[in-house]
Amino acid sequence: LSYNTSEAHQKIAQAIQDMWKQNLGVEVTLDNAEWNVFLDNVNQMDYQVARMGWLGDFNDAINFLEMYRDADGGNNNTGWESKEFQDLLAKSATETDPEARQQLLKDAEAIFMEDMPVAPIYFYTNNWVQAENLKDVAVSGLGDVQYKWAYFE
């Protein structure tokens, strides 16, 4: 299991190593590398399992799905590609009905999850507290906390 140097990534890699041994009987060797070396290895597909992450740029499913549109895509380090998946993403780009578009993206996601070129392990979270007298704090669909409209009552 390849991962880049970070205490948090090390803890997660060790947890996966332990869980796969206990639950699957799979022996996992951890392979830690500094970011640039790690990224070179991943870009060259020189790994068996590698840790990667992605934070959404905008609150839409296409933000995550389009990364895997083509095997040669900039962030697709899996070598995976599916014509049916590509067709659904192309249709979603021209679909004007929001519900129909969402269904196309769900169908594309189902193909992706069936083929499983990646395995979601965890999600980043943001914790914060807010005083009752602080009003109009905006939290985006991505979890970003915006204080620019906030005020104390």
Protein backbone atom coordinates (compact mmCIF):
# COMPACT_ATOMS: atom_id res chain seq x y z
CA LEU A 1 0.00 0.00 0.00
CA SER A 2 1.75 3.14 -1.24
CA TYR A 3 1.16 6.45 0.47
CA ASN A 4 2.88 9.81 0.72
CA THR A 5 4.60 11.05 3.85
CA SER A 6 2.09 12.40 6.35
CA GLU A 7 1.29 11.30 9.89
CA ALA A 8 -2.42 11.13 9.03
CA HIS A 9 -1.80 9.08 5.88
CA GLN A 10 0.48 6.75 7.83
CA LYS A 11 -2.23 6.12 10.44
CA ILE A 12 -4.80 5.37 7.75
CA ALA A 13 -2.38 3.06 5.88
CA GLN A 14 -1.65 1.19 9.10
CA ALA A 15 -5.35 0.88 9.87
CA ILE A 16 -6.00 -0.54 6.39
CA GLN A 17 -3.06 -2.91 6.79
CA ASP A 18 -4.48 -4.18 10.10
CA MET A 19 -8.09 -4.45 8.86
CA TRP A 20 -7.14 -6.29 5.66
CA LYS A 21 -5.06 -8.77 7.67
CA GLN A 22 -7.76 -9.34 10.30
CA ASN A 23 -10.78 -9.42 8.00
CA LEU A 24 -9.42 -10.65 4.69
CA GLY A 25 -6.25 -12.51 5.62
CA VAL A 26 -4.30 -10.27 3.24
CA GLU A 27 -0.72 -9.34 4.14
CA VAL A 28 -0.08 -5.70 3.23
CA THR A 29 3.36 -4.10 2.94
CA LEU A 30 3.37 -0.35 3.48
CA ASP A 31 5.37 1.77 1.04
CA ASN A 32 5.92 5.35 2.21
CA ALA A 33 7.50 7.94 -0.08
CA GLU A 34 7.95 11.70 -0.13
CA TRP A 35 5.23 13.42 -2.21
CA ASN A 36 7.16 13.91 -5.47
CA VAL A 37 8.52 10.35 -5.49
CA PHE A 38 5.08 8.98 -4.57
CA LEU A 39 3.41 11.02 -7.31
CA ASP A 40 5.95 9.89 -9.93
CA ASN A 41 5.30 6.26 -8.96
CA VAL A 42 1.54 6.70 -9.11
CA ASN A 43 1.68 8.59 -12.43
CA GLN A 44 3.77 5.74 -13.88
CA MET A 45 1.28 3.26 -12.38
CA ASP A 46 4.11 1.71 -10.38
CA TYR A 47 1.97 0.55 -7.45
CA GLN A 48 -0.47 -2.19 -6.49
CA VAL A 49 -2.65 -0.06 -4.20
CA ALA A 50 -2.03 3.66 -3.66
CA ARG A 51 -3.60 6.32 -1.48
CA MET A 52 -4.97 9.31 -3.32
CA GLY A 53 -7.48 11.98 -2.47
CA TRP A 54 -9.68 14.54 -4.10
CA LEU A 55 -11.55 17.54 -2.78
CA GLY A 56 -14.47 18.76 -4.82
CA ASP A 57 -14.03 22.09 -6.58
CA PHE A 58 -17.78 22.55 -6.90
CA ASN A 59 -20.85 20.78 -5.58
CA ASP A 60 -21.76 18.51 -8.48
CA ALA A 61 -21.22 14.78 -9.06
CA ILE A 62 -19.42 15.47 -12.35
CA ASN A 63 -16.60 16.99 -10.30
CA PHE A 64 -15.59 13.51 -9.15
CA LEU A 65 -16.77 11.41 -12.09
CA GLU A 66 -15.04 13.37 -14.86
CA MET A 67 -11.63 12.55 -13.36
CA TYR A 68 -12.09 9.01 -14.67
CA ARG A 69 -13.53 9.86 -18.10
CA ASP A 70 -10.38 8.72 -19.92
CA ALA A 71 -7.54 6.37 -18.96
CA ASP A 72 -5.12 9.14 -19.95
CA GLY A 73 -6.93 11.84 -17.93
CA GLY A 74 -4.76 14.03 -15.74
CA ASN A 75 -5.98 12.68 -12.41
CA ASN A 76 -6.94 9.17 -13.51
CA ASN A 77 -3.99 7.16 -12.23
CA THR A 78 -5.86 3.86 -12.45
CA GLY A 79 -5.68 3.05 -16.16
CA TRP A 80 -9.44 2.41 -16.00
CA GLU A 81 -11.73 3.44 -18.84
CA SER A 82 -15.26 2.52 -19.90
CA LYS A 83 -17.01 3.45 -23.13
CA GLU A 84 -20.45 3.21 -21.47
CA PHE A 85 -19.25 5.48 -18.64
CA GLN A 86 -17.87 7.97 -21.18
CA ASP A 87 -21.14 7.97 -23.12
CA LEU A 88 -23.18 8.69 -19.99
CA LEU A 89 -20.88 11.58 -19.02
CA ALA A 90 -21.14 13.00 -22.54
CA LYS A 91 -24.95 12.79 -22.42
CA SER A 92 -24.98 14.46 -18.99
CA ALA A 93 -23.04 17.41 -20.43
CA THR A 94 -25.87 18.25 -22.83
CA GLU A 95 -28.88 17.20 -20.72
CA THR A 96 -30.94 20.25 -19.75
CA ASP A 97 -33.39 18.49 -17.42
CA PRO A 98 -31.72 18.45 -13.96
CA GLU A 99 -33.42 15.22 -12.87
CA ALA A 100 -32.52 13.40 -16.10
CA ARG A 101 -28.94 14.69 -15.82
CA GLN A 102 -28.71 13.47 -12.24
CA GLN A 103 -29.93 10.04 -13.33
CA LEU A 104 -27.28 9.88 -16.06
CA LEU A 105 -24.61 10.68 -13.46
CA LYS A 106 -26.04 8.06 -11.09
CA ASP A 107 -25.91 5.51 -13.89
CA ALA A 108 -22.29 6.46 -14.63
CA GLU A 109 -21.45 6.19 -10.93
CA ALA A 110 -23.01 2.71 -10.81
CA ILE A 111 -20.70 1.57 -13.63
CA PHE A 112 -17.72 3.10 -11.85
CA MET A 113 -18.59 1.43 -8.54
CA GLU A 114 -19.26 -1.92 -10.21
CA ASP A 115 -15.83 -1.88 -11.89
CA MET A 116 -14.31 -0.34 -8.73
CA PRO A 117 -11.04 1.15 -10.03
CA VAL A 118 -10.86 3.04 -6.73
CA ALA A 119 -12.03 2.16 -3.23
CA PRO A 120 -13.39 5.03 -1.13
CA ILE A 121 -11.83 4.68 2.33
CA TYR A 122 -12.71 7.87 4.18
CA PHE A 123 -14.04 11.37 3.72
CA TYR A 124 -12.55 14.63 4.93
CA THR A 125 -14.71 16.42 7.47
CA ASN A 126 -14.71 19.89 8.97
CA ASN A 127 -15.77 20.41 12.54
CA TRP A 128 -16.63 23.82 13.87
CA VAL A 129 -18.67 25.42 16.60
CA GLN A 130 -20.76 28.53 16.44
CA ALA A 131 -21.85 30.86 19.22
CA GLU A 132 -25.61 31.35 19.34
CA ASN A 133 -25.22 35.08 18.84
CA LEU A 134 -23.19 34.66 15.61
CA LYS A 135 -25.66 34.94 12.73
CA ASP A 136 -25.60 34.35 8.95
CA VAL A 137 -22.64 31.99 8.82
CA ALA A 138 -22.91 30.18 5.49
CA VAL A 139 -21.82 26.57 5.06
CA SER A 140 -21.49 25.47 1.44
CA GLY A 141 -22.46 22.06 0.10
CA LEU A 142 -18.72 21.29 0.11
CA GLY A 143 -18.46 22.04 3.83
CA ASP A 144 -16.66 25.36 3.52
CA VAL A 145 -17.56 27.80 6.28
CA GLN A 146 -18.00 31.38 5.05
CA TYR A 147 -17.98 34.22 7.56
CA LYS A 148 -18.14 37.15 5.14
CA TRP A 149 -21.87 37.72 5.83
CA ALA A 150 -21.67 36.82 9.50
CA TYR A 151 -22.29 39.23 12.34
CA PHE A 152 -22.75 39.11 16.08
CA GLU A 153 -26.15 39.96 17.46
